Protein backbone atom coordinates (compact mmCIF):
# COMPACT_ATOMS: atom_id res chain seq x y z
CA MET A 1 -3.83 78.99 16.97
CA GLN A 2 -4.83 75.42 17.78
CA GLU A 3 -4.43 74.52 14.18
CA TYR A 4 -0.96 76.03 14.10
CA ARG A 5 0.13 74.16 17.16
CA LYS A 6 -1.14 70.89 15.63
CA LEU A 7 0.94 71.60 12.50
CA LEU A 8 4.07 72.24 14.72
CA CYS A 9 3.57 68.86 16.35
CA VAL A 10 3.13 67.07 13.05
CA ASN A 11 6.25 68.80 11.67
CA LYS A 12 8.19 67.71 14.73
CA ILE A 13 7.13 64.16 14.25
CA ARG A 14 8.08 64.21 10.52
CA GLU A 15 11.50 65.74 11.33
CA THR A 16 12.17 63.03 13.88
CA LYS A 17 11.04 60.28 11.58
CA ARG A 18 13.25 61.61 8.75
CA LEU A 19 16.20 61.91 11.06
CA ILE A 20 15.83 58.29 12.23
CA GLU A 21 15.56 57.09 8.58
CA ASN A 22 18.72 58.98 7.44
CA MET A 23 20.85 58.53 10.44
CA LEU A 24 19.76 55.09 11.66
CA ILE A 25 23.27 53.59 12.01
CA PRO A 26 24.86 56.54 13.88
CA ILE A 27 21.86 56.75 16.14
CA LEU A 28 22.02 53.06 16.94
CA ALA A 29 25.78 53.46 17.62
CA LEU A 30 25.07 56.35 20.02
CA VAL A 31 22.36 54.36 21.80
CA VAL A 32 24.69 51.36 22.22
CA ALA A 33 27.54 53.60 23.51
CA ALA A 34 25.11 55.36 25.89
CA ALA A 35 23.90 51.97 27.19
CA VAL A 36 27.48 50.69 27.74
CA VAL A 37 28.51 54.02 29.53
CA GLY A 38 25.25 53.96 31.62
CA TYR A 39 25.86 50.33 32.62
CA GLN A 40 29.45 51.15 33.67
CA ILE A 41 28.13 54.12 35.73
CA VAL A 42 25.50 52.06 37.43
CA ILE A 43 28.01 49.26 38.28
CA ASN A 44 31.04 51.25 39.19
CA PHE A 45 30.06 54.77 40.00
CA PHE A 46 26.90 54.45 42.15
CA PRO A 47 28.66 52.26 44.76
CA ILE A 48 31.34 54.99 45.14
CA ILE A 49 28.65 57.69 45.57
CA ARG A 50 26.84 55.64 48.22
CA LYS A 51 30.09 55.34 50.17
CA ILE A 52 30.46 59.14 50.43
CA ASN A 53 29.39 60.11 53.87
CA ALA A 54 30.40 63.82 54.00
CA CYS A 55 30.88 66.71 51.63
CA ASN A 56 34.28 66.39 49.72
CA LEU A 57 35.57 69.95 49.51
CA ARG A 58 38.17 69.11 46.91
CA ILE A 59 35.58 67.75 44.53
CA CYS A 60 33.30 70.60 45.41
CA TYR A 61 35.86 73.26 44.47
CA LEU A 62 36.77 71.41 41.28
CA VAL A 63 33.16 71.20 40.19
CA PHE A 64 32.53 74.90 40.95
CA GLY A 65 35.82 75.87 39.14
CA PHE A 66 34.62 74.02 36.01
CA LEU A 67 31.15 75.47 36.19
CA ILE A 68 32.44 79.04 36.60
CA LEU A 69 34.72 78.54 33.53
CA TYR A 70 31.72 77.21 31.63
CA SER A 71 29.62 80.18 32.72
CA PHE A 72 32.19 82.68 31.67
CA GLY A 73 32.64 80.95 28.28
CA VAL A 74 28.96 80.91 27.32
CA CYS A 75 28.33 84.48 28.72
CA PHE A 76 31.29 86.41 27.30
CA ILE A 77 33.29 84.25 24.68
CA ASN A 78 30.76 82.08 22.79
CA VAL A 79 27.45 83.90 23.30
CA LYS A 80 24.50 82.10 21.93
CA PRO A 81 20.76 82.21 22.77
CA ALA A 82 19.80 79.92 25.66
CA ILE A 83 16.27 79.48 24.28
CA ILE A 84 15.57 78.03 20.74
CA ILE A 85 12.27 78.77 18.91
CA LYS A 86 11.31 77.60 15.47
CA PRO A 87 11.57 80.45 12.87
CA ALA A 88 8.00 79.66 11.74
CA SER A 89 6.77 80.38 15.31
CA LEU A 90 8.58 83.69 15.26
CA PHE A 91 6.95 84.58 11.92
CA PHE A 92 3.38 83.59 12.67
CA ILE A 93 2.96 84.08 16.39
CA GLN A 94 2.38 87.51 17.96
CA GLU A 95 5.00 89.03 20.22
CA LYS A 96 2.88 88.48 23.40
CA ARG A 97 2.61 84.77 22.63
CA ILE A 98 6.29 84.54 21.70
CA ARG A 99 7.13 85.82 25.26
CA GLN A 100 4.79 83.18 26.68
CA MET A 101 6.58 80.46 24.63
CA ILE A 102 9.98 81.82 25.87
CA SER A 103 8.64 81.57 29.43
CA ILE A 104 7.62 77.95 28.82
CA LYS A 105 11.04 77.13 27.32
CA TYR A 106 12.70 78.76 30.31
CA ILE A 107 10.75 76.43 32.64
CA GLY A 108 12.13 73.50 30.71
CA LEU A 109 15.62 74.88 31.05
CA THR A 110 15.03 75.34 34.79
CA LEU A 111 13.98 71.72 35.16
CA LYS A 112 17.16 70.57 33.36
CA ASP A 113 19.29 72.75 35.71
CA ILE A 114 17.50 71.20 38.77
CA ILE A 115 18.21 67.64 37.47
CA PHE A 116 21.85 68.52 36.74
CA SER A 117 22.23 70.14 40.10
CA ILE A 118 20.88 67.10 41.96
CA ILE A 119 23.34 64.83 40.09
CA LEU A 120 26.38 67.03 40.85
CA SER A 121 25.24 67.52 44.50
CA ALA A 122 25.00 63.72 44.84
CA CYS A 123 28.51 63.37 43.42
CA ILE A 124 29.90 65.92 45.95
CA ASN A 125 27.92 65.08 49.13
CA GLY A 126 26.73 61.48 48.47
CA ILE A 127 23.14 60.27 48.39
CA HIS A 128 22.15 61.83 51.67
CA LEU A 129 19.16 64.23 51.90
CA ASN A 130 20.69 66.49 54.49
CA ARG A 131 21.41 70.22 54.88
CA ASN A 132 24.72 70.09 53.01
CA PHE A 133 23.11 68.26 50.03
CA LEU A 134 20.34 70.97 49.82
CA PHE A 135 22.87 73.84 50.23
CA ILE A 136 25.11 72.61 47.47
CA LEU A 137 22.18 71.80 45.22
CA LEU A 138 20.86 75.36 45.66
CA ILE A 139 24.26 76.90 44.97
CA ILE A 140 24.73 74.86 41.74
CA PHE A 141 21.24 75.62 40.55
CA LEU A 142 21.71 79.33 41.11
CA LEU A 143 25.00 79.27 39.09
CA LEU A 144 23.46 77.34 36.21
CA ASN A 145 20.22 79.16 36.04
CA THR A 146 21.72 82.67 36.49
CA THR A 147 24.15 81.75 33.65
CA ASN A 148 21.19 81.02 31.28
CA LEU A 149 19.56 84.31 32.25
CA MET A 150 22.74 86.32 31.83
CA ARG A 151 23.53 84.83 28.48
CA TRP A 152 20.01 85.58 27.24
CA LYS A 153 20.40 89.17 28.44
CA ILE A 154 23.85 89.64 26.88
CA TYR A 155 22.87 88.05 23.60
CA HIS A 156 19.91 90.49 23.06
CA ALA A 157 21.26 93.62 24.79
CA ASN A 158 24.98 93.05 23.82
CA GLN A 159 26.04 94.42 27.23
CA ARG A 160 29.49 92.88 27.90
CA ARG A 161 29.80 95.23 30.84
CA ASP A 162 27.72 92.69 32.75
CA ILE A 163 30.99 91.04 33.52
CA GLY A 164 30.98 93.07 36.74
CA ILE A 165 27.71 91.51 37.84
CA TRP A 166 28.95 88.08 36.81
CA MET A 167 32.23 88.40 38.77
CA LEU A 168 30.29 89.57 41.87
CA PHE A 169 27.91 86.70 41.53
CA SER A 170 30.72 84.13 41.11
CA ILE A 171 32.85 85.41 43.92
CA ILE A 172 29.93 85.50 46.38
CA LEU A 173 28.85 82.06 45.23
CA VAL A 174 32.26 80.61 46.09
CA ILE A 175 32.31 82.35 49.42
CA SER A 176 28.91 81.07 50.27
CA LEU A 177 30.40 77.50 50.44
CA LYS A 178 31.77 78.60 53.84
CA TYR A 179 29.44 81.46 54.85
CA PHE A 180 26.22 80.18 53.43
CA PHE A 181 23.55 82.31 55.14
CA MET A 182 25.50 85.57 54.78
CA CYS A 183 26.07 85.28 50.99
CA ILE A 184 23.33 83.13 49.57
CA ILE A 185 20.78 85.91 49.96
CA ILE A 186 22.83 88.18 47.71
CA ASP A 187 23.04 85.45 45.05
CA ILE A 188 19.25 84.84 45.24
CA GLY A 189 18.77 88.68 44.83
CA ILE A 190 21.03 88.71 41.72
CA TRP A 191 19.08 85.67 40.33
CA MET A 192 15.74 87.38 40.92
CA TYR A 193 17.04 90.60 39.33
CA MET A 194 18.09 88.79 36.20
CA LEU A 195 14.83 86.86 36.12
CA VAL A 196 12.65 90.06 36.38
CA TYR A 197 14.83 91.94 33.91
CA ASP A 198 14.86 89.16 31.26
CA PHE A 199 11.13 88.57 31.25
CA GLY A 200 9.79 92.04 32.19
CA VAL A 201 12.22 94.68 30.86
CA LEU A 202 14.43 93.16 28.23
CA GLU A 203 13.53 93.89 24.55
CA ILE A 204 14.29 90.95 22.29
CA ASN A 205 16.62 91.79 19.42
CA ALA A 206 14.28 90.44 16.83
CA LEU A 207 16.33 90.74 13.74
CA LYS A 208 19.32 89.10 15.28
CA TYR A 209 17.41 86.34 16.96
CA GLU A 210 15.34 85.42 13.80
CA ASP A 211 18.58 85.28 11.72
CA GLU A 212 20.13 82.98 14.27
CA MET A 213 17.07 80.70 14.42
CA GLN A 214 16.86 80.48 10.63
CA PHE A 215 20.47 79.47 10.38
CA LEU A 216 19.99 76.77 13.05
CA GLU A 217 16.89 75.56 11.20
CA LYS A 218 18.94 75.20 7.95
CA VAL A 219 21.55 73.15 9.79
CA ARG A 220 18.90 70.97 11.40
CA ILE A 221 17.26 70.29 8.00
CA ALA A 222 20.64 69.33 6.54
CA GLN A 223 21.20 67.00 9.44
CA ASN A 224 17.80 65.47 8.95
CA PHE A 225 18.58 64.68 5.32
CA ASN A 226 22.15 63.68 6.04
CA ASN A 227 23.42 66.21 3.51
CA THR A 228 27.12 66.21 4.24
CA VAL A 229 27.87 68.76 1.51
CA LEU A 230 25.48 71.37 3.06
CA LEU A 231 26.74 70.57 6.55
CA ASP A 232 30.25 71.29 5.52
CA GLN A 233 29.16 74.51 3.89
CA TYR A 234 27.25 75.59 7.00
CA ALA A 235 30.20 74.68 9.21
CA LYS A 236 32.35 77.20 7.21
CA GLU A 237 29.61 79.78 7.30
CA LYS A 238 29.30 79.35 11.01
CA MET A 239 32.96 80.22 11.50
CA VAL A 240 32.37 83.50 9.64
CA ARG A 241 29.15 84.31 11.41
CA TYR A 242 30.68 84.10 14.92
CA LEU A 243 33.81 86.01 14.26
CA GLN A 244 34.20 88.87 16.69
CA ARG A 245 33.51 92.18 15.02
CA LYS A 246 35.34 95.16 16.37
CA ASN A 247 34.82 98.67 15.03
CA LYS A 248 37.81 100.02 16.81
CA VAL A 249 41.32 98.63 16.30
CA SER A 250 43.39 98.65 19.54
CA ASN A 251 46.49 100.75 19.75
CA PHE A 252 48.50 97.58 20.44
CA LEU A 253 47.56 96.04 17.11
CA TYR A 254 48.19 99.45 15.38
CA TYR A 255 51.83 99.45 16.52
CA PHE A 256 52.36 95.66 16.42
CA PRO A 257 50.29 94.36 13.51
CA LEU A 258 52.42 91.26 12.86
CA ILE A 259 51.63 89.86 16.30
CA TRP A 260 48.00 89.61 15.21
CA LYS A 261 49.04 88.29 11.75
CA ALA A 262 51.16 85.58 13.42
CA GLN A 263 48.28 84.48 15.58
CA ILE A 264 45.90 84.26 12.60
CA SER A 265 48.45 82.40 10.45
CA ILE A 266 49.29 79.86 13.03
CA TYR A 267 45.65 79.31 13.86
CA ARG A 268 44.55 78.84 10.26
CA LEU A 269 47.51 76.99 8.80
CA GLY A 270 49.93 75.82 11.50
CA ARG A 271 47.61 74.40 14.24
CA ASN A 272 47.52 70.92 12.72
CA TRP A 273 51.12 70.20 13.69
CA ILE A 274 50.49 71.41 17.27
CA ILE A 275 47.36 69.35 17.51
CA MET A 276 49.17 66.22 16.26
CA GLY A 277 51.86 66.76 18.92
CA MET A 278 49.31 67.20 21.74
CA ILE A 279 47.50 64.00 20.57
CA LEU A 280 50.80 62.16 20.65
CA PHE A 281 51.51 63.48 24.12
CA THR A 282 48.14 62.44 25.42
CA ILE A 283 48.51 58.92 24.14
CA CYS A 284 51.97 58.49 25.66
CA LEU A 285 50.79 60.03 28.92
CA GLY A 286 48.03 57.44 29.08
CA ILE A 287 50.58 54.71 28.48
CA TYR A 288 52.81 56.08 31.22
CA LYS A 289 49.99 56.55 33.81
CA MET A 290 47.45 53.72 33.21
CA PRO A 291 48.37 50.15 34.36
CA PHE A 292 46.12 48.86 31.64
CA TYR A 293 48.91 49.34 29.02
CA TRP A 294 51.61 47.85 31.27
CA THR A 295 50.39 44.36 30.47
CA LEU A 296 52.01 44.62 27.05
CA PRO A 297 55.45 42.96 27.17
CA PHE A 298 57.37 45.87 25.75
CA LEU A 299 55.76 48.37 28.19
CA GLN A 300 56.44 46.51 31.42
CA GLN A 301 59.63 48.44 32.18
CA GLU A 302 59.04 51.93 33.55
CA GLU A 303 62.10 53.26 31.76
CA ILE A 304 60.61 52.44 28.40
CA ARG A 305 57.28 54.16 29.33
CA TYR A 306 59.27 57.21 30.55
CA MET A 307 61.24 57.45 27.32
CA LEU A 308 57.97 57.33 25.35
CA LEU A 309 56.63 60.20 27.42
CA LEU A 310 59.81 62.14 27.04
CA GLY A 311 59.86 61.53 23.33
CA SER A 312 56.31 62.75 22.96
CA ILE A 313 57.03 65.98 24.83
CA PHE A 314 60.09 66.50 22.60
CA ALA A 315 57.88 65.81 19.60
CA VAL A 316 55.28 68.45 20.71
CA PHE A 317 57.91 71.24 20.85
CA ARG A 318 59.70 70.20 17.62
CA LEU A 319 56.35 70.08 15.69
CA THR A 320 55.34 73.48 17.24
CA LEU A 321 58.64 75.01 16.20
CA ARG A 322 58.33 73.53 12.70
CA SER A 323 54.84 75.12 12.41
CA MET A 324 56.19 78.53 13.57
CA VAL A 325 59.10 78.44 11.20
CA GLN A 326 56.77 77.69 8.23
CA GLN A 327 54.60 80.68 9.01
CA LEU A 328 57.58 83.01 9.43
CA ASP A 329 59.02 81.85 6.09
CA SER A 330 55.69 82.44 4.46
CA ILE A 331 55.58 86.07 5.66
CA LEU A 332 59.13 86.77 4.55
CA GLU A 333 58.61 85.16 1.18
CA LYS A 334 55.60 87.29 0.59
CA ALA A 335 57.64 90.40 1.36
CA THR A 336 60.33 89.20 -1.05
CA ASP A 337 57.85 88.49 -3.86
CA GLY A 338 56.39 91.93 -3.86
CA LEU A 339 53.88 92.17 -0.96
CA PHE A 340 54.62 95.59 0.54
CA ILE A 341 55.31 95.34 4.29
CA PRO A 342 56.60 98.66 5.53
CA ILE A 343 58.49 97.02 8.35
CA SER A 344 62.18 95.94 8.60
CA GLU A 345 63.05 92.31 8.61
CA ASN A 346 64.37 92.48 12.15
CA ARG A 347 61.09 94.03 13.31
CA ILE A 348 59.15 91.35 11.46
CA VAL A 349 61.03 88.60 13.36
CA LYS A 350 60.66 90.41 16.77
CA GLN A 351 56.88 90.87 16.42
CA PHE A 352 56.41 87.38 15.09
CA MET A 353 58.29 85.83 18.08
CA VAL A 354 55.70 86.85 20.59
CA ILE A 355 53.07 84.26 19.66
CA PRO A 356 55.57 81.29 19.30
CA ILE A 357 57.07 82.09 22.68
CA THR A 358 53.59 82.34 24.25
CA ILE A 359 52.46 78.93 22.75
CA VAL A 360 55.73 77.16 23.65
CA CYS A 361 55.49 78.44 27.32
CA GLY A 362 51.82 77.43 27.46
CA GLU A 363 52.54 73.93 26.23
CA GLY A 364 55.45 73.58 28.74
CA ILE A 365 53.36 74.74 31.65
CA ILE A 366 50.46 72.49 30.74
CA MET A 367 52.66 69.36 30.34
CA ALA A 368 54.64 70.24 33.44
CA PHE A 369 51.54 70.41 35.57
CA VAL A 370 50.23 67.13 34.09
CA VAL A 371 53.46 65.27 35.08
CA ASN A 372 53.60 67.06 38.49
CA SER A 373 56.83 69.01 37.97
CA SER A 374 58.09 71.61 40.48
CA ILE A 375 58.00 75.37 40.00
CA ALA A 376 61.76 75.40 39.58
CA GLN A 377 61.63 72.83 36.82
CA ILE A 378 58.84 74.74 35.01
CA LEU A 379 60.85 78.00 35.11
CA LEU A 380 64.11 76.42 34.03
CA GLY A 381 62.57 74.25 31.35
CA CYS A 382 60.48 77.21 29.89
CA ALA A 383 63.59 79.44 29.90
CA ILE A 384 65.52 76.81 27.79
CA LEU A 385 62.58 76.37 25.43
CA ILE A 386 62.13 80.14 25.00
CA CYS A 387 65.91 80.46 24.19
CA ALA A 388 65.64 77.60 21.67
CA THR A 389 62.55 79.21 19.99
CA VAL A 390 64.19 82.58 19.74
CA LEU A 391 67.34 81.10 18.41
CA ASN A 392 65.62 78.92 15.85
CA LEU A 393 63.51 81.78 14.40
CA TRP A 394 66.60 84.17 14.34
CA LEU A 395 68.76 81.58 12.59
CA GLU A 396 65.96 80.82 10.19
CA VAL A 397 66.08 84.41 8.96
CA LYS A 398 69.82 85.28 9.25
CA TYR A 399 71.69 82.02 8.80
CA LYS A 400 69.41 79.60 7.20
CA ASN A 401 72.08 77.38 5.72
CA PHE A 402 73.89 77.17 9.06
CA LEU A 403 70.69 76.15 10.71
CA VAL A 404 70.15 73.33 8.22
CA LYS A 405 73.57 71.92 9.06
CA LYS A 406 73.49 72.48 12.86
CA ASP A 407 69.84 71.83 13.53
CA PHE A 408 70.83 68.98 15.95
CA ILE A 409 72.11 71.65 18.41
CA LEU A 410 68.60 73.09 18.68
CA SER A 411 67.14 69.61 18.96
CA ILE A 412 69.43 68.93 21.94
CA ALA A 413 68.34 72.19 23.60
CA VAL A 414 64.66 71.31 23.11
CA PHE A 415 65.33 67.74 24.36
CA LEU A 416 67.05 69.20 27.47
CA GLY A 417 64.02 71.45 28.10
CA ALA A 418 61.68 68.47 27.85
CA LEU A 419 63.94 66.40 30.07
CA ILE A 420 63.95 69.16 32.77
CA LEU A 421 60.19 69.53 32.63
CA THR A 422 59.58 65.79 33.31
CA LYS A 423 62.48 64.63 35.45
């Protein structure tokens, strides 16, 4: 065993040496970037933290909201093992020693959670070693550590019904910010239950875990050798590996199959236009909000900055509609060229409209909240955009030639919706 551990250490040194040799320039760039960011944090951020004299509840709730979303994502959406072990260790070491190694890795995870909890607690409460600092530190640590324990359990046992335990834990955790002594005992109890279950009762899904570790090892080797061809291949393989597998098709998809088809088509082929629009909106929003850009001569007037923002919002919706129309045309052309779709044309359009309407409303709500629009503006703007989306798709199918000639009318409607959302 001592010889094997020695080989593991030597192999780790070799991997690190090879990684530095093949990725020297990117690593140096990351080091420089980290040094610049760290310097800015020390110069600008620490003085702000030192001035905090009491717990800022607004920042506290924002941090907890983000952490709860992160917890839900890693536990129920993108479930991956919290502890990584070399495939060679899984092959050569006995199960008892594997459990010991997992326990040691968990201690390392716990130390990371403690350090991260201290940093977040200092950001919320300031650098003051008082009761509030310790309370917030304990709550953040319980959330992070219980998340790691729960994702480990869900990964091996595949028990998505643990969402009930997760919801109970999260709700009590938020309530404990005001009623600490009444609720924190329950959270500690849930944390201890997860700890005992994971390391005393849970059976490791060996086949699934070994396959996952072997794939991660292949990716790591390709990174060490800077093999971009293999990395591209593994990236595509990764998308297939983590697709959700469902044995039972829901009744909703059975009766409305083209809703699912529209979602897949837009995600695979039409998302580039949407991403381009959102990037353009982000850039124009930065120009509109940040005084740094106002030093440029042509951006000094607020009206010009507002027109840029309005134009970017208009571009987002027009690019989104263009993407949707392309996917609808693709489905209808396939039906015309011989692909058997046992659904009428009107029904195809009605089912396809669900996803575009959802995306347009989502974009409108996000951008309205970013620019601080009122509820009435959001409702009216989304209503106009929904009407423009439905009319665009319907004319695309029924009166395509008319749409080509009178497309400016829809553009005016979309522009009006963007104007209402931002004014």
